[in-house]
Amino acid sequence: MFSNEKTKYFIFILFISLILFKFVNNTEFFIQKLSFFTSLINPFIWAFAIAYLLNPIMIYFENNFKIKRGFSILLIYVLLLGIINFTITILTPRIVSSINELSKDMPGYVTTAQNWINQNIIKSKLLQFSNPYLKQNINTIINEALNFLNITSSNLVTKAINITSNLFNGILGLIISIYLLKDKENLINNTKRLFYALIGKNKSDKLINFCKLVNKIFSQYIVGKAIDSLIIAVICFAGLLILKIPYALLISIIIGITNMIPYFGPFIGAVPSILITLLNSPISALWVGIFIFLLQQFDGLYLGPKILGDKVGLSPLWIIVAVIIGGGAFGLLGMFLGVPAMAIIKIQLEKYINIKLGTKDS
C-alpha cells in the first residue's frame, strides 16, 4: 500500500502530466484563455508593480522621518502624480515633437546618406580590390538598410501613440496600489497563513525565506539601476545640449532606458543615438560617439559601483550569460531582469552544494 505522502505526490504528478498533455494538444485554446485571463488581471499586475516600486520609498519615509503610513502614502502619490504631470505636460510633447521632426526629415536624411554612400563607397577605388560578391551586392544591402530606417522612423509616432492603450489599466492599477501599500502587512500575514494551511510550516518557512531573498535582490537591483540610469540620462541631456546636438532629449531617453541593461545596454543605446545624429551631421555623430563612450566609462568605473555596489554578487561572465539568456527568452525585459534572476539561482545553488558537501563530510 502507498503511504499518504506517496499517494499525494503521485496524484500531483498525474495532475501536472494531464495538464501538460491537454496543453500540448490544445495550444491555441490555452493561449486564448491565458490571454483573456491576463487581460482581466492586468490592472492588478500594474498595481503590484507600482506598489512594489513605491514600497522602498514608503519604508524610507516611515523609518527616517517617522511619518505615519497614511501620510507617507499621501506624500508618495503626490510626488508620483507630480512626476506623471511633468512627464505628460513637458516631456511627452517634446519627445513627440522630436519624433515627428525626425520622421519628416528622415526621407531627406536617407537621400543624403544614399548619395554620400554612392559617391564615397560604391564608386570608390576601395571596392576595386574587394570581393566581387560584396561589390555587386553592397548597394542592395545599403538600400535595404536605409529603407528599413525610413520605415522604422515613419512608424515611431504610431508606436508612441500605441503606448497610451494601457492608460486605463495604469490608472486603475495606481488606485489599487494605494490599498496594497496601506494594507501591506495584513496581505503578507494572510498569504503566510494560506501557505501554512496548504503546505505546512516547514515548507512555508522555506518558501517565505526564498521570497524574502528574491525581494531583497530584485528591489535593490531595480531601484539602484533606475537611479543610476536616471542620473546618466540627465548628464547625457546636459552634455548634448552643450554640444548643440539635435534631438538631445530623444537621445538622452534612449541612453537612459538602455542603460538599465548591464554591459550590452550602452551599445544598444549608442547605435541608434549615433545613427540619428549621423544622418544630420557626421561630425556631430563623432562627438556624440565620443561623449557617450566617456559617459559610459564614468558610469561603469565610478557611478554604477557607487550606487549599486555589489548588489548581485555575480562575476562579469555570469552577468553576460544572464543578459544573453534573459534577452533570448524574454527580450529587453529579460536582459534587464536576467541579472537578479541569475544572482538568485547562484545563491540557491551555493546553498544546495554546501548542504550536499556538509552531508558527505559528516
Protein backbone atom coordinates (compact mmCIF):
# COMPACT_ATOMS: atom_id res chain seq x y z
CA MET A 1 0.00 0.00 0.00
CA PHE A 2 1.13 3.56 -0.74
CA SER A 3 1.66 5.95 2.14
CA ASN A 4 -0.33 9.18 2.25
CA GLU A 5 2.71 11.24 1.17
CA LYS A 6 3.42 8.98 -1.81
CA THR A 7 -0.25 8.98 -2.82
CA LYS A 8 -0.38 12.79 -2.73
CA TYR A 9 2.85 13.00 -4.72
CA PHE A 10 1.53 10.51 -7.31
CA ILE A 11 -1.77 12.41 -7.69
CA PHE A 12 0.11 15.71 -8.05
CA ILE A 13 2.41 14.30 -10.79
CA LEU A 14 -0.60 12.77 -12.56
CA PHE A 15 -2.46 16.09 -12.41
CA ILE A 16 0.51 18.05 -13.82
CA SER A 17 1.02 15.45 -16.57
CA LEU A 18 -2.64 15.70 -17.56
CA ILE A 19 -2.45 19.50 -17.75
CA LEU A 20 0.70 19.33 -19.91
CA PHE A 21 -0.94 16.75 -22.20
CA LYS A 22 -4.02 18.94 -22.62
CA PHE A 23 -1.84 21.99 -23.22
CA VAL A 24 0.19 20.30 -25.96
CA ASN A 25 -2.97 19.09 -27.72
CA ASN A 26 -4.88 22.37 -27.37
CA THR A 27 -2.18 25.04 -27.51
CA GLU A 28 -4.32 27.68 -29.25
CA PHE A 29 -7.21 27.23 -26.80
CA PHE A 30 -4.90 27.61 -23.79
CA ILE A 31 -3.16 30.66 -25.28
CA GLN A 32 -6.54 32.34 -25.89
CA LYS A 33 -7.68 31.59 -22.34
CA LEU A 34 -4.36 32.76 -20.93
CA SER A 35 -4.58 35.98 -22.95
CA PHE A 36 -8.14 36.56 -21.68
CA PHE A 37 -7.10 35.86 -18.08
CA THR A 38 -4.10 38.18 -18.40
CA SER A 39 -6.32 41.00 -19.69
CA LEU A 40 -8.59 40.52 -16.65
CA ILE A 41 -5.79 40.70 -14.09
CA ASN A 42 -3.82 43.38 -15.96
CA PRO A 43 -4.84 46.19 -13.54
CA PHE A 44 -3.69 44.04 -10.60
CA ILE A 45 -0.34 43.40 -12.31
CA TRP A 46 0.03 47.17 -12.72
CA ALA A 47 -1.00 47.68 -9.09
CA PHE A 48 1.52 45.16 -7.78
CA ALA A 49 4.32 46.63 -9.92
CA ILE A 50 3.56 50.20 -8.78
CA ALA A 51 3.25 49.19 -5.12
CA TYR A 52 6.46 47.16 -5.32
CA LEU A 53 8.42 50.09 -6.75
CA LEU A 54 6.98 52.62 -4.28
CA ASN A 55 7.32 50.38 -1.21
CA PRO A 56 11.06 51.21 -0.60
CA ILE A 57 10.24 54.94 -0.68
CA MET A 58 7.38 54.43 1.79
CA ILE A 59 9.65 52.44 4.14
CA TYR A 60 12.33 55.16 3.85
CA PHE A 61 9.82 57.89 4.80
CA GLU A 62 8.46 55.87 7.71
CA ASN A 63 11.87 54.91 9.12
CA ASN A 64 13.80 58.15 8.59
CA PHE A 65 11.12 60.82 9.05
CA LYS A 66 8.87 58.87 11.47
CA ILE A 67 5.86 59.56 9.25
CA LYS A 68 2.66 57.54 9.69
CA ARG A 69 1.58 55.16 6.93
CA GLY A 70 -1.34 57.24 5.63
CA PHE A 71 0.63 60.50 5.38
CA SER A 72 3.62 58.66 3.89
CA ILE A 73 1.40 57.20 1.13
CA LEU A 74 -0.13 60.65 0.51
CA LEU A 75 3.33 62.21 0.07
CA ILE A 76 4.49 59.43 -2.26
CA TYR A 77 1.45 59.68 -4.53
CA VAL A 78 1.57 63.49 -4.62
CA LEU A 79 5.22 63.16 -5.70
CA LEU A 80 4.31 60.43 -8.22
CA LEU A 81 1.44 62.46 -9.70
CA GLY A 82 3.79 65.44 -9.95
CA ILE A 83 6.28 63.34 -11.93
CA ILE A 84 3.47 61.99 -14.15
CA ASN A 85 2.18 65.54 -14.73
CA PHE A 86 5.69 66.75 -15.61
CA THR A 87 6.10 63.80 -18.00
CA ILE A 88 2.75 64.37 -19.73
CA THR A 89 2.82 68.18 -19.96
CA ILE A 90 6.52 68.84 -20.59
CA LEU A 91 8.48 65.71 -21.57
CA THR A 92 5.94 63.90 -23.77
CA PRO A 93 5.15 66.85 -26.11
CA ARG A 94 8.87 67.43 -26.64
CA ILE A 95 9.51 63.74 -27.32
CA VAL A 96 6.59 63.55 -29.77
CA SER A 97 7.80 66.75 -31.43
CA SER A 98 11.31 65.27 -31.81
CA ILE A 99 9.88 62.05 -33.26
CA ASN A 100 7.65 63.99 -35.68
CA GLU A 101 10.57 66.16 -36.76
CA LEU A 102 12.79 63.11 -37.22
CA SER A 103 10.07 61.34 -39.24
CA LYS A 104 9.64 64.37 -41.53
CA ASP A 105 13.39 64.81 -42.00
CA MET A 106 14.17 61.11 -42.45
CA PRO A 107 13.49 60.91 -46.24
CA GLY A 108 15.91 63.79 -46.81
CA TYR A 109 18.48 62.20 -44.49
CA VAL A 110 18.13 58.88 -46.32
CA THR A 111 18.63 60.55 -49.72
CA THR A 112 21.69 62.44 -48.45
CA ALA A 113 23.15 59.28 -46.92
CA GLN A 114 22.48 57.32 -50.11
CA ASN A 115 24.23 59.95 -52.25
CA TRP A 116 27.19 60.05 -49.87
CA ILE A 117 27.48 56.24 -49.93
CA ASN A 118 27.27 56.18 -53.75
CA GLN A 119 29.96 58.84 -54.08
CA ASN A 120 32.35 57.67 -51.35
CA ILE A 121 31.85 53.90 -51.18
CA ILE A 122 30.13 52.47 -54.26
CA LYS A 123 32.27 54.46 -56.74
CA SER A 124 35.33 54.41 -54.52
CA LYS A 125 38.56 52.69 -55.54
CA LEU A 126 38.40 50.82 -52.26
CA LEU A 127 35.97 48.34 -53.80
CA GLN A 128 38.14 47.62 -56.83
CA PHE A 129 40.12 45.03 -54.88
CA SER A 130 37.21 43.76 -52.81
CA ASN A 131 35.24 40.54 -53.11
CA PRO A 132 33.11 40.60 -56.34
CA TYR A 133 30.04 39.40 -54.41
CA LEU A 134 30.39 42.25 -51.92
CA LYS A 135 30.91 44.74 -54.73
CA GLN A 136 27.78 43.57 -56.58
CA ASN A 137 25.53 43.42 -53.53
CA ILE A 138 26.71 46.25 -51.27
CA ASN A 139 24.36 48.74 -52.94
CA THR A 140 21.39 46.43 -52.38
CA ILE A 141 22.38 45.82 -48.74
CA ILE A 142 22.77 49.54 -48.02
CA ASN A 143 19.50 50.42 -49.77
CA GLU A 144 17.62 47.81 -47.73
CA ALA A 145 19.18 49.09 -44.51
CA LEU A 146 18.27 52.70 -45.33
CA ASN A 147 14.74 51.70 -46.36
CA PHE A 148 14.39 49.87 -43.04
CA LEU A 149 15.41 53.04 -41.19
CA ASN A 150 12.91 55.03 -43.23
CA ILE A 151 10.05 52.60 -42.48
CA THR A 152 11.03 52.38 -38.80
CA SER A 153 11.12 56.14 -38.37
CA SER A 154 7.70 56.56 -40.03
CA ASN A 155 6.25 54.07 -37.54
CA LEU A 156 7.74 55.77 -34.47
CA VAL A 157 4.76 58.08 -33.99
CA THR A 158 2.29 55.20 -34.30
CA LYS A 159 4.23 53.15 -31.77
CA ALA A 160 4.44 56.11 -29.40
CA ILE A 161 0.66 56.62 -29.60
CA ASN A 162 0.00 52.88 -29.05
CA ILE A 163 1.70 53.11 -25.64
CA THR A 164 -1.36 55.02 -24.36
CA SER A 165 -3.62 51.97 -24.99
CA ASN A 166 -2.88 50.72 -21.45
CA LEU A 167 -3.75 54.05 -19.83
CA PHE A 168 -6.97 52.78 -18.21
CA ASN A 169 -5.20 49.76 -16.68
CA GLY A 170 -2.45 52.05 -15.42
CA ILE A 171 -4.89 54.43 -13.70
CA LEU A 172 -6.85 51.55 -12.17
CA GLY A 173 -3.58 49.92 -11.07
CA LEU A 174 -2.50 53.21 -9.48
CA ILE A 175 -5.67 53.30 -7.36
CA ILE A 176 -5.41 49.62 -6.33
CA SER A 177 -1.72 50.07 -5.43
CA ILE A 178 -2.72 52.57 -2.70
CA TYR A 179 -4.68 49.85 -0.91
CA LEU A 180 -1.87 47.33 -1.43
CA LEU A 181 0.59 49.65 0.32
CA LYS A 182 -1.88 50.61 3.06
CA ASP A 183 -2.74 47.00 3.96
CA LYS A 184 0.67 45.52 3.14
CA GLU A 185 1.18 43.76 6.49
CA ASN A 186 -2.32 42.24 6.50
CA LEU A 187 -1.88 40.92 2.96
CA ILE A 188 1.51 39.39 3.82
CA ASN A 189 0.18 37.79 7.02
CA ASN A 190 -2.88 36.35 5.26
CA THR A 191 -0.67 34.96 2.49
CA LYS A 192 1.59 33.33 5.09
CA ARG A 193 -1.44 31.75 6.81
CA LEU A 194 -2.63 30.41 3.46
CA PHE A 195 0.76 28.81 2.79
CA TYR A 196 0.87 27.33 6.29
CA ALA A 197 -2.56 25.79 5.72
CA LEU A 198 -1.72 24.42 2.26
CA ILE A 199 1.85 23.11 2.52
CA GLY A 200 2.75 23.09 6.23
CA LYS A 201 5.03 25.24 8.38
CA ASN A 202 8.46 23.88 7.35
CA LYS A 203 7.89 24.19 3.60
CA SER A 204 6.16 27.54 4.08
CA ASP A 205 9.11 28.94 6.06
CA LYS A 206 11.49 27.87 3.29
CA LEU A 207 9.25 29.46 0.66
CA ILE A 208 8.92 32.67 2.69
CA ASN A 209 12.71 32.92 3.15
CA PHE A 210 13.13 32.39 -0.59
CA CYS A 211 10.59 35.16 -1.31
CA LYS A 212 12.47 37.49 1.06
CA LEU A 213 15.71 36.76 -0.82
CA VAL A 214 14.02 37.42 -4.18
CA ASN A 215 12.52 40.67 -2.89
CA LYS A 216 15.83 41.88 -1.45
CA ILE A 217 17.87 41.23 -4.60
CA PHE A 218 15.26 42.47 -7.09
CA SER A 219 14.32 45.62 -5.13
CA GLN A 220 17.94 46.67 -4.53
CA TYR A 221 18.88 45.98 -8.15
CA ILE A 222 15.85 47.66 -9.75
CA VAL A 223 15.95 50.78 -7.53
CA GLY A 224 19.75 51.08 -7.88
CA LYS A 225 19.67 50.67 -11.66
CA ALA A 226 16.78 53.12 -12.01
CA ILE A 227 18.64 55.83 -10.04
CA ASP A 228 21.86 55.15 -11.97
CA SER A 229 20.11 55.33 -15.36
CA LEU A 230 18.20 58.49 -14.43
CA ILE A 231 21.45 60.26 -13.49
CA ILE A 232 23.09 59.08 -16.73
CA ALA A 233 20.11 60.34 -18.78
CA VAL A 234 20.25 63.78 -17.10
CA ILE A 235 24.03 64.08 -17.61
CA CYS A 236 23.63 62.93 -21.22
CA PHE A 237 20.92 65.54 -21.88
CA ALA A 238 23.04 68.33 -20.37
CA GLY A 239 26.10 67.25 -22.36
CA LEU A 240 24.21 67.04 -25.67
CA LEU A 241 22.71 70.49 -25.09
CA ILE A 242 26.21 71.91 -24.53
CA LEU A 243 27.39 70.20 -27.74
CA LYS A 244 24.28 71.59 -29.53
CA ILE A 245 23.26 68.14 -30.78
CA PRO A 246 19.77 67.85 -32.35
CA TYR A 247 17.19 65.53 -30.75
CA ALA A 248 19.08 65.78 -27.42
CA LEU A 249 16.04 64.80 -25.32
CA LEU A 250 15.17 61.79 -27.50
CA ILE A 251 18.78 60.55 -27.49
CA SER A 252 19.08 61.03 -23.71
CA ILE A 253 15.92 58.99 -23.08
CA ILE A 254 17.24 56.20 -25.34
CA ILE A 255 20.56 56.21 -23.45
CA GLY A 256 18.83 56.25 -20.05
CA ILE A 257 16.44 53.38 -20.83
CA THR A 258 19.03 51.12 -22.46
CA ASN A 259 21.48 51.84 -19.63
CA MET A 260 19.22 49.65 -17.45
CA ILE A 261 20.65 46.64 -19.32
CA PRO A 262 24.11 45.66 -18.00
CA TYR A 263 27.09 45.56 -20.40
CA PHE A 264 25.06 45.45 -23.65
CA GLY A 265 22.79 48.39 -22.80
CA PRO A 266 25.33 51.14 -23.57
CA PHE A 267 26.00 49.63 -27.03
CA ILE A 268 22.27 49.13 -27.73
CA GLY A 269 21.62 52.77 -26.82
CA ALA A 270 24.67 54.18 -28.60
CA VAL A 271 23.85 52.70 -32.04
CA PRO A 272 20.50 54.49 -32.68
CA SER A 273 21.78 57.64 -30.96
CA ILE A 274 24.84 57.89 -33.20
CA LEU A 275 22.81 56.89 -36.26
CA ILE A 276 20.19 59.61 -35.63
CA THR A 277 22.97 62.20 -35.35
CA LEU A 278 24.93 60.75 -38.29
CA LEU A 279 22.03 61.35 -40.67
CA ASN A 280 22.11 65.02 -39.63
CA SER A 281 25.88 65.60 -39.39
CA PRO A 282 28.81 63.11 -39.44
CA ILE A 283 30.93 65.47 -37.29
CA SER A 284 28.17 65.71 -34.68
CA ALA A 285 27.86 61.91 -34.73
CA LEU A 286 31.57 61.62 -33.96
CA TRP A 287 31.20 63.95 -30.96
CA VAL A 288 28.13 62.04 -29.78
CA GLY A 289 30.03 58.74 -30.03
CA ILE A 290 32.97 60.12 -28.01
CA PHE A 291 30.65 61.69 -25.42
CA ILE A 292 28.58 58.50 -24.94
CA PHE A 293 31.78 56.45 -24.63
CA LEU A 294 33.14 58.77 -21.91
CA LEU A 295 29.75 58.83 -20.18
CA GLN A 296 29.57 55.02 -20.08
CA GLN A 297 33.13 54.84 -18.74
CA PHE A 298 32.14 57.23 -15.95
CA ASP A 299 29.08 55.07 -15.22
CA GLY A 300 30.96 51.77 -15.32
CA LEU A 301 34.00 52.85 -13.31
CA TYR A 302 32.50 55.28 -10.80
CA LEU A 303 28.74 55.95 -10.72
CA GLY A 304 27.49 52.36 -11.12
CA PRO A 305 29.72 50.86 -8.39
CA LYS A 306 28.94 53.83 -6.11
CA ILE A 307 25.16 53.32 -6.35
CA LEU A 308 24.84 49.58 -6.91
CA GLY A 309 27.96 48.30 -5.14
CA ASP A 310 27.92 44.50 -5.32
CA LYS A 311 24.16 44.02 -5.07
CA VAL A 312 24.00 40.86 -7.17
CA GLY A 313 27.37 39.26 -6.35
CA LEU A 314 27.95 37.98 -9.91
CA SER A 315 31.17 37.99 -11.91
CA PRO A 316 31.12 39.78 -15.32
CA LEU A 317 31.00 36.40 -17.11
CA TRP A 318 27.79 35.34 -15.33
CA ILE A 319 26.23 38.77 -15.86
CA ILE A 320 26.87 38.45 -19.62
CA VAL A 321 25.43 34.90 -19.58
CA ALA A 322 22.35 36.15 -17.69
CA VAL A 323 21.80 39.02 -20.13
CA ILE A 324 22.14 36.75 -23.20
CA ILE A 325 19.83 34.03 -21.84
CA GLY A 326 17.31 36.56 -20.48
CA GLY A 327 17.31 38.50 -23.73
CA GLY A 328 16.90 35.36 -25.83
CA ALA A 329 13.94 34.20 -23.73
CA PHE A 330 12.11 37.44 -22.86
CA GLY A 331 13.62 40.25 -24.95
CA LEU A 332 14.74 43.55 -23.42
CA LEU A 333 12.88 42.92 -20.15
CA GLY A 334 14.66 39.57 -19.85
CA MET A 335 18.02 41.26 -20.45
CA PHE A 336 17.31 43.57 -17.52
CA LEU A 337 15.79 41.08 -15.06
CA GLY A 338 18.07 38.20 -16.07
CA VAL A 339 20.87 39.51 -13.83
CA PRO A 340 18.99 39.45 -10.47
CA ALA A 341 17.39 36.14 -11.52
CA MET A 342 20.85 34.66 -12.14
CA ALA A 343 22.01 36.00 -8.75
CA ILE A 344 19.16 34.15 -7.03
CA ILE A 345 19.96 30.93 -8.91
CA LYS A 346 23.62 31.28 -7.87
CA ILE A 347 22.73 31.76 -4.19
CA GLN A 348 20.33 28.81 -4.17
CA LEU A 349 22.84 26.61 -6.00
CA GLU A 350 25.57 27.51 -3.50
CA LYS A 351 23.23 26.62 -0.61
CA TYR A 352 22.41 23.27 -2.22
CA ILE A 353 26.11 22.46 -2.83
CA ASN A 354 27.03 23.43 0.75
CA ILE A 355 24.27 21.22 2.15
CA LYS A 356 25.35 18.28 -0.02
CA LEU A 357 29.03 18.72 0.85
CA GLY A 358 28.15 19.04 4.54
CA THR A 359 26.14 15.82 4.34
CA LYS A 360 29.02 13.98 2.66
CA ASP A 361 31.61 15.29 5.14
CA SER A 362 29.56 14.30 8.20
